[in-house]
PDB file of N, CA and C in Angstrom:
ATOM      1  N   UNK A   1     -61.965  89.147 -79.297  1.00  0.00           N
ATOM      2  CA  UNK A   1     -63.019  89.404 -78.334  1.00  0.00           C
ATOM      3  C   UNK A   1     -62.835  90.799 -77.740  1.00  0.00           C
ATOM      4  N   UNK A   2     -63.929  91.363 -77.299  1.00  0.00           N
ATOM      5  CA  UNK A   2     -63.866  92.675 -76.667  1.00  0.00           C
ATOM      6  C   UNK A   2     -63.413  92.522 -75.218  1.00  0.00           C
ATOM      7  N   UNK A   3     -62.749  93.548 -74.737  1.00  0.00           N
ATOM      8  CA  UNK A   3     -62.193  93.531 -73.384  1.00  0.00           C
ATOM      9  C   UNK A   3     -63.262  93.239 -72.332  1.00  0.00           C
ATOM     10  N   UNK A   4     -64.431  93.840 -72.448  1.00  0.00           N
ATOM     11  CA  UNK A   4     -65.504  93.634 -71.470  1.00  0.00           C
ATOM     12  C   UNK A   4     -65.974  92.181 -71.456  1.00  0.00           C
ATOM     13  N   UNK A   5     -66.050  91.563 -72.615  1.00  0.00           N
ATOM     14  CA  UNK A   5     -66.445  90.146 -72.696  1.00  0.00           C
ATOM     15  C   UNK A   5     -65.386  89.266 -72.047  1.00  0.00           C
ATOM     16  N   UNK A   6     -64.128  89.588 -72.305  1.00  0.00           N
ATOM     17  CA  UNK A   6     -63.024  88.818 -71.730  1.00  0.00           C
ATOM     18  C   UNK A   6     -62.990  88.961 -70.213  1.00  0.00           C
ATOM     19  N   UNK A   7     -63.220  90.171 -69.729  1.00  0.00           N
ATOM     20  CA  UNK A   7     -63.223  90.399 -68.280  1.00  0.00           C
ATOM     21  C   UNK A   7     -64.279  89.531 -67.600  1.00  0.00           C
ATOM     22  N   UNK A   8     -65.473  89.542 -68.137  1.00  0.00           N
ATOM     23  CA  UNK A   8     -66.563  88.753 -67.549  1.00  0.00           C
ATOM     24  C   UNK A   8     -66.197  87.272 -67.523  1.00  0.00           C
ATOM     25  N   UNK A   9     -65.648  86.762 -68.623  1.00  0.00           N
ATOM     26  CA  UNK A   9     -65.278  85.349 -68.712  1.00  0.00           C
ATOM     27  C   UNK A   9     -64.136  85.015 -67.757  1.00  0.00           C
ATOM     28  N   UNK A  10     -63.114  85.844 -67.725  1.00  0.00           N
ATOM     29  CA  UNK A  10     -61.952  85.585 -66.863  1.00  0.00           C
ATOM     30  C   UNK A  10     -62.353  85.601 -65.398  1.00  0.00           C
ATOM     31  N   UNK A  11     -63.145  86.580 -65.009  1.00  0.00           N
ATOM     32  CA  UNK A  11     -63.572  86.663 -63.603  1.00  0.00           C
ATOM     33  C   UNK A  11     -64.390  85.431 -63.195  1.00  0.00           C
ATOM     34  N   UNK A  12     -65.179  84.925 -64.095  1.00  0.00           N
ATOM     35  CA  UNK A  12     -65.976  83.733 -63.811  1.00  0.00           C
ATOM     36  C   UNK A  12     -65.101  82.471 -63.799  1.00  0.00           C
ATOM     37  N   UNK A  13     -64.263  82.337 -64.806  1.00  0.00           N
ATOM     38  CA  UNK A  13     -63.449  81.124 -64.940  1.00  0.00           C
ATOM     39  C   UNK A  13     -62.385  80.978 -63.855  1.00  0.00           C
ATOM     40  N   UNK A  14     -61.922  82.073 -63.302  1.00  0.00           N
ATOM     41  CA  UNK A  14     -60.904  81.926 -62.255  1.00  0.00           C
ATOM     42  C   UNK A  14     -61.507  81.235 -61.028  1.00  0.00           C
ATOM     43  N   UNK A  15     -62.801  81.414 -60.781  1.00  0.00           N
ATOM     44  CA  UNK A  15     -63.448  80.717 -59.667  1.00  0.00           C
ATOM     45  C   UNK A  15     -63.615  79.225 -59.982  1.00  0.00           C
ATOM     46  N   UNK A  16     -63.924  78.915 -61.241  1.00  0.00           N
ATOM     47  CA  UNK A  16     -64.010  77.504 -61.655  1.00  0.00           C
ATOM     48  C   UNK A  16     -62.652  76.836 -61.513  1.00  0.00           C
ATOM     49  N   UNK A  17     -61.610  77.536 -61.949  1.00  0.00           N
ATOM     50  CA  UNK A  17     -60.257  77.001 -61.842  1.00  0.00           C
ATOM     51  C   UNK A  17     -59.876  76.767 -60.379  1.00  0.00           C
ATOM     52  N   UNK A  18     -60.153  77.735 -59.521  1.00  0.00           N
ATOM     53  CA  UNK A  18     -59.806  77.629 -58.102  1.00  0.00           C
ATOM     54  C   UNK A  18     -60.546  76.471 -57.433  1.00  0.00           C
ATOM     55  N   UNK A  19     -61.791  76.235 -57.829  1.00  0.00           N
ATOM     56  CA  UNK A  19     -62.561  75.130 -57.252  1.00  0.00           C
ATOM     57  C   UNK A  19     -62.006  73.775 -57.691  1.00  0.00           C
ATOM     58  N   UNK A  20     -61.546  73.696 -58.934  1.00  0.00           N
ATOM     59  CA  UNK A  20     -61.022  72.435 -59.466  1.00  0.00           C
ATOM     60  C   UNK A  20     -59.560  72.201 -59.089  1.00  0.00           C
ATOM     61  N   UNK A  21     -58.833  73.272 -58.795  1.00  0.00           N
ATOM     62  CA  UNK A  21     -57.403  73.194 -58.487  1.00  0.00           C
ATOM     63  C   UNK A  21     -57.106  74.001 -57.232  1.00  0.00           C
ATOM     64  N   UNK A  22     -57.392  73.455 -56.064  1.00  0.00           N
ATOM     65  CA  UNK A  22     -57.151  74.231 -54.845  1.00  0.00           C
ATOM     66  C   UNK A  22     -55.727  74.794 -54.842  1.00  0.00           C
ATOM     67  N   UNK A  23     -55.624  76.121 -54.964  1.00  0.00           N
ATOM     68  CA  UNK A  23     -54.320  76.736 -55.155  1.00  0.00           C
ATOM     69  C   UNK A  23     -53.496  76.959 -53.893  1.00  0.00           C
ATOM     70  N   UNK A  24     -54.049  76.696 -52.728  1.00  0.00           N
ATOM     71  CA  UNK A  24     -53.313  76.964 -51.504  1.00  0.00           C
ATOM     72  C   UNK A  24     -53.354  78.450 -51.172  1.00  0.00           C
ATOM     73  N   UNK A  25     -52.296  78.945 -50.556  1.00  0.00           N
ATOM     74  CA  UNK A  25     -52.263  80.336 -50.109  1.00  0.00           C
ATOM     75  C   UNK A  25     -52.058  81.343 -51.233  1.00  0.00           C
ATOM     76  N   UNK A  26     -51.378  80.948 -52.292  1.00  0.00           N
ATOM     77  CA  UNK A  26     -51.031  81.882 -53.353  1.00  0.00           C
ATOM     78  C   UNK A  26     -51.447  81.340 -54.716  1.00  0.00           C
ATOM     79  N   UNK A  27     -52.664  81.643 -55.149  1.00  0.00           N
ATOM     80  CA  UNK A  27     -53.105  81.186 -56.468  1.00  0.00           C
ATOM     81  C   UNK A  27     -52.175  81.702 -57.563  1.00  0.00           C
ATOM     82  N   UNK A  28     -51.894  80.858 -58.518  1.00  0.00           N
ATOM     83  CA  UNK A  28     -50.962  81.188 -59.585  1.00  0.00           C
ATOM     84  C   UNK A  28     -51.694  81.584 -60.867  1.00  0.00           C
ATOM     85  N   UNK A  29     -51.471  82.822 -61.303  1.00  0.00           N
ATOM     86  CA  UNK A  29     -52.063  83.251 -62.564  1.00  0.00           C
ATOM     87  C   UNK A  29     -51.500  82.432 -63.717  1.00  0.00           C
ATOM     88  N   UNK A  30     -50.227  82.095 -63.654  1.00  0.00           N
ATOM     89  CA  UNK A  30     -49.622  81.331 -64.741  1.00  0.00           C
ATOM     90  C   UNK A  30     -50.226  79.934 -64.847  1.00  0.00           C
ATOM     91  N   UNK A  31     -50.551  79.330 -63.723  1.00  0.00           N
ATOM     92  CA  UNK A  31     -51.225  78.025 -63.739  1.00  0.00           C
ATOM     93  C   UNK A  31     -52.641  78.183 -64.309  1.00  0.00           C
ATOM     94  N   UNK A  32     -53.309  79.265 -63.948  1.00  0.00           N
ATOM     95  CA  UNK A  32     -54.640  79.552 -64.478  1.00  0.00           C
ATOM     96  C   UNK A  32     -54.578  79.755 -65.988  1.00  0.00           C
ATOM     97  N   UNK A  33     -53.594  80.515 -66.439  1.00  0.00           N
ATOM     98  CA  UNK A  33     -53.426  80.783 -67.871  1.00  0.00           C
ATOM     99  C   UNK A  33     -53.171  79.482 -68.632  1.00  0.00           C
ATOM    100  N   UNK A  34     -52.338  78.612 -68.095  1.00  0.00           N
ATOM    101  CA  UNK A  34     -52.074  77.309 -68.721  1.00  0.00           C
ATOM    102  C   UNK A  34     -53.342  76.474 -68.781  1.00  0.00           C
ATOM    103  N   UNK A  35     -54.127  76.509 -67.714  1.00  0.00           N
ATOM    104  CA  UNK A  35     -55.388  75.768 -67.655  1.00  0.00           C
ATOM    105  C   UNK A  35     -56.342  76.262 -68.737  1.00  0.00           C
ATOM    106  N   UNK A  36     -56.412  77.596 -68.916  1.00  0.00           N
ATOM    107  CA  UNK A  36     -57.267  78.149 -69.969  1.00  0.00           C
ATOM    108  C   UNK A  36     -56.832  77.648 -71.345  1.00  0.00           C
ATOM    109  N   UNK A  37     -55.538  77.694 -71.606  1.00  0.00           N
ATOM    110  CA  UNK A  37     -55.023  77.275 -72.909  1.00  0.00           C
ATOM    111  C   UNK A  37     -55.250  75.784 -73.153  1.00  0.00           C
ATOM    112  N   UNK A  38     -55.052  74.967 -72.126  1.00  0.00           N
ATOM    113  CA  UNK A  38     -55.272  73.521 -72.263  1.00  0.00           C
ATOM    114  C   UNK A  38     -56.735  73.180 -72.518  1.00  0.00           C
ATOM    115  N   UNK A  39     -57.631  74.023 -72.024  1.00  0.00           N
ATOM    116  CA  UNK A  39     -59.065  73.789 -72.182  1.00  0.00           C
ATOM    117  C   UNK A  39     -59.675  74.566 -73.346  1.00  0.00           C
ATOM    118  N   UNK A  40     -58.839  75.050 -74.247  1.00  0.00           N
ATOM    119  CA  UNK A  40     -59.321  75.725 -75.438  1.00  0.00           C
ATOM    120  C   UNK A  40     -59.932  77.093 -75.219  1.00  0.00           C
ATOM    121  N   UNK A  41     -59.570  77.730 -74.123  1.00  0.00           N
ATOM    122  CA  UNK A  41     -60.139  79.048 -73.820  1.00  0.00           C
ATOM    123  C   UNK A  41     -59.092  80.145 -73.813  1.00  0.00           C
ATOM    124  N   UNK A  42     -57.950  79.868 -74.371  1.00  0.00           N
ATOM    125  CA  UNK A  42     -56.864  80.839 -74.394  1.00  0.00           C
ATOM    126  C   UNK A  42     -57.198  82.122 -75.125  1.00  0.00           C
ATOM    127  N   UNK A  43     -58.186  82.078 -76.014  1.00  0.00           N
ATOM    128  CA  UNK A  43     -58.559  83.265 -76.787  1.00  0.00           C
ATOM    129  C   UNK A  43     -59.099  84.387 -75.909  1.00  0.00           C
ATOM    130  N   UNK A  44     -59.571  84.076 -74.701  1.00  0.00           N
ATOM    131  CA  UNK A  44     -60.095  85.153 -73.846  1.00  0.00           C
ATOM    132  C   UNK A  44     -58.969  86.006 -73.265  1.00  0.00           C
ATOM    133  N   UNK A  45     -57.736  85.587 -73.467  1.00  0.00           N
ATOM    134  CA  UNK A  45     -56.597  86.376 -73.015  1.00  0.00           C
ATOM    135  C   UNK A  45     -56.064  87.285 -74.118  1.00  0.00           C
ATOM    136  N   UNK A  46     -56.751  87.298 -75.240  1.00  0.00           N
ATOM    137  CA  UNK A  46     -56.315  88.102 -76.383  1.00  0.00           C
ATOM    138  C   UNK A  46     -57.282  89.272 -76.588  1.00  0.00           C
ATOM    139  N   UNK A  47     -57.003  90.345 -75.905  1.00  0.00           N
ATOM    140  CA  UNK A  47     -57.781  91.573 -76.043  1.00  0.00           C
ATOM    141  C   UNK A  47     -56.810  92.745 -75.966  1.00  0.00           C
ATOM    142  N   UNK A  48     -57.254  93.875 -76.401  1.00  0.00           N
ATOM    143  CA  UNK A  48     -56.397  95.053 -76.404  1.00  0.00           C
ATOM    144  C   UNK A  48     -56.461  95.762 -75.060  1.00  0.00           C
ATOM    145  N   UNK A  49     -55.286  96.102 -74.551  1.00  0.00           N
ATOM    146  CA  UNK A  49     -55.200  96.830 -73.293  1.00  0.00           C
ATOM    147  C   UNK A  49     -53.898  97.622 -73.288  1.00  0.00           C
ATOM    148  N   UNK A  50     -53.941  98.813 -72.766  1.00  0.00           N
ATOM    149  CA  UNK A  50     -52.767  99.673 -72.733  1.00  0.00           C
ATOM    150  C   UNK A  50     -51.624  99.002 -71.972  1.00  0.00           C
ATOM    151  N   UNK A  51     -51.918  98.400 -70.846  1.00  0.00           N
ATOM    152  CA  UNK A  51     -50.895  97.760 -70.015  1.00  0.00           C
ATOM    153  C   UNK A  51     -50.558  96.341 -70.479  1.00  0.00           C
ATOM    154  N   UNK A  52     -51.247  95.854 -71.477  1.00  0.00           N
ATOM    155  CA  UNK A  52     -51.046  94.491 -71.951  1.00  0.00           C
ATOM    156  C   UNK A  52     -52.119  93.582 -71.384  1.00  0.00           C
ATOM    157  N   UNK A  53     -52.579  92.654 -72.188  1.00  0.00           N
ATOM    158  CA  UNK A  53     -53.692  91.807 -71.769  1.00  0.00           C
ATOM    159  C   UNK A  53     -53.333  90.882 -70.610  1.00  0.00           C
ATOM    160  N   UNK A  54     -52.107  90.351 -70.583  1.00  0.00           N
ATOM    161  CA  UNK A  54     -51.725  89.481 -69.468  1.00  0.00           C
ATOM    162  C   UNK A  54     -51.742  90.234 -68.138  1.00  0.00           C
ATOM    163  N   UNK A  55     -51.224  91.451 -68.149  1.00  0.00           N
ATOM    164  CA  UNK A  55     -51.194  92.245 -66.925  1.00  0.00           C
ATOM    165  C   UNK A  55     -52.611  92.505 -66.418  1.00  0.00           C
ATOM    166  N   UNK A  56     -53.492  92.908 -67.311  1.00  0.00           N
ATOM    167  CA  UNK A  56     -54.872  93.228 -66.935  1.00  0.00           C
ATOM    168  C   UNK A  56     -55.604  91.966 -66.475  1.00  0.00           C
ATOM    169  N   UNK A  57     -55.436  90.855 -67.200  1.00  0.00           N
ATOM    170  CA  UNK A  57     -56.087  89.603 -66.820  1.00  0.00           C
ATOM    171  C   UNK A  57     -55.592  89.129 -65.458  1.00  0.00           C
ATOM    172  N   UNK A  58     -54.305  89.290 -65.186  1.00  0.00           N
ATOM    173  CA  UNK A  58     -53.770  88.895 -63.875  1.00  0.00           C
ATOM    174  C   UNK A  58     -54.344  89.779 -62.773  1.00  0.00           C
ATOM    175  N   UNK A  59     -54.563  91.047 -63.071  1.00  0.00           N
ATOM    176  CA  UNK A  59     -55.174  91.948 -62.095  1.00  0.00           C
ATOM    177  C   UNK A  59     -56.591  91.478 -61.756  1.00  0.00           C
ATOM    178  N   UNK A  60     -57.380  91.111 -62.774  1.00  0.00           N
ATOM    179  CA  UNK A  60     -58.732  90.609 -62.539  1.00  0.00           C
ATOM    180  C   UNK A  60     -58.683  89.323 -61.721  1.00  0.00           C
ATOM    181  N   UNK A  61     -57.757  88.434 -62.072  1.00  0.00           N
ATOM    182  CA  UNK A  61     -57.567  87.168 -61.356  1.00  0.00           C
ATOM    183  C   UNK A  61     -57.284  87.452 -59.883  1.00  0.00           C
ATOM    184  N   UNK A  62     -56.347  88.363 -59.626  1.00  0.00           N
ATOM    185  CA  UNK A  62     -55.996  88.702 -58.244  1.00  0.00           C
ATOM    186  C   UNK A  62     -57.173  89.321 -57.500  1.00  0.00           C
ATOM    187  N   UNK A  63     -57.934  90.173 -58.154  1.00  0.00           N
ATOM    188  CA  UNK A  63     -59.092  90.781 -57.510  1.00  0.00           C
ATOM    189  C   UNK A  63     -60.123  89.728 -57.129  1.00  0.00           C
ATOM    190  N   UNK A  64     -60.415  88.826 -58.041  1.00  0.00           N
ATOM    191  CA  UNK A  64     -61.431  87.807 -57.785  1.00  0.00           C
ATOM    192  C   UNK A  64     -61.013  86.839 -56.686  1.00  0.00           C
ATOM    193  N   UNK A  65     -59.739  86.513 -56.621  1.00  0.00           N
ATOM    194  CA  UNK A  65     -59.258  85.541 -55.633  1.00  0.00           C
ATOM    195  C   UNK A  65     -58.631  86.224 -54.415  1.00  0.00           C
ATOM    196  N   UNK A  66     -58.927  87.505 -54.269  1.00  0.00           N
ATOM    197  CA  UNK A  66     -58.498  88.293 -53.092  1.00  0.00           C
ATOM    198  C   UNK A  66     -56.978  88.233 -52.891  1.00  0.00           C
ATOM    199  N   UNK A  67     -56.242  88.486 -53.974  1.00  0.00           N
ATOM    200  CA  UNK A  67     -54.789  88.446 -53.921  1.00  0.00           C
ATOM    201  C   UNK A  67     -54.149  89.786 -54.258  1.00  0.00           C
ATOM    202  N   UNK A  68     -54.921  90.870 -54.198  1.00  0.00           N
ATOM    203  CA  UNK A  68     -54.362  92.172 -54.585  1.00  0.00           C
ATOM    204  C   UNK A  68     -53.288  92.655 -53.622  1.00  0.00           C
ATOM    205  N   UNK A  69     -53.219  92.107 -52.448  1.00  0.00           N
ATOM    206  CA  UNK A  69     -52.182  92.489 -51.490  1.00  0.00           C
ATOM    207  C   UNK A  69     -50.788  92.159 -52.020  1.00  0.00           C
ATOM    208  N   UNK A  70     -50.706  91.240 -52.989  1.00  0.00           N
ATOM    209  CA  UNK A  70     -49.413  90.828 -53.557  1.00  0.00           C
ATOM    210  C   UNK A  70     -48.874  91.861 -54.541  1.00  0.00           C
ATOM    211  N   UNK A  71     -49.667  92.786 -54.969  1.00  0.00           N
ATOM    212  CA  UNK A  71     -49.247  93.767 -55.985  1.00  0.00           C
ATOM    213  C   UNK A  71     -48.499  94.917 -55.349  1.00  0.00           C
TER     214      UNK A  71
END
């Protein structure tokens, strides 16, 4: 998948995940990633990125769930 397609999907799905799994004060990207893989959507984490796809996907996750202060 292209990076732009993955970004759109990840940003949308992190809100679905948060609604279904109230994360408390510190949402977990690793729990989100596991949820994606269990639901057959792990392929959206496979895109090319200079910093690595996990790093970039976690950044999007943090931005959407207002967790950038942790970086």
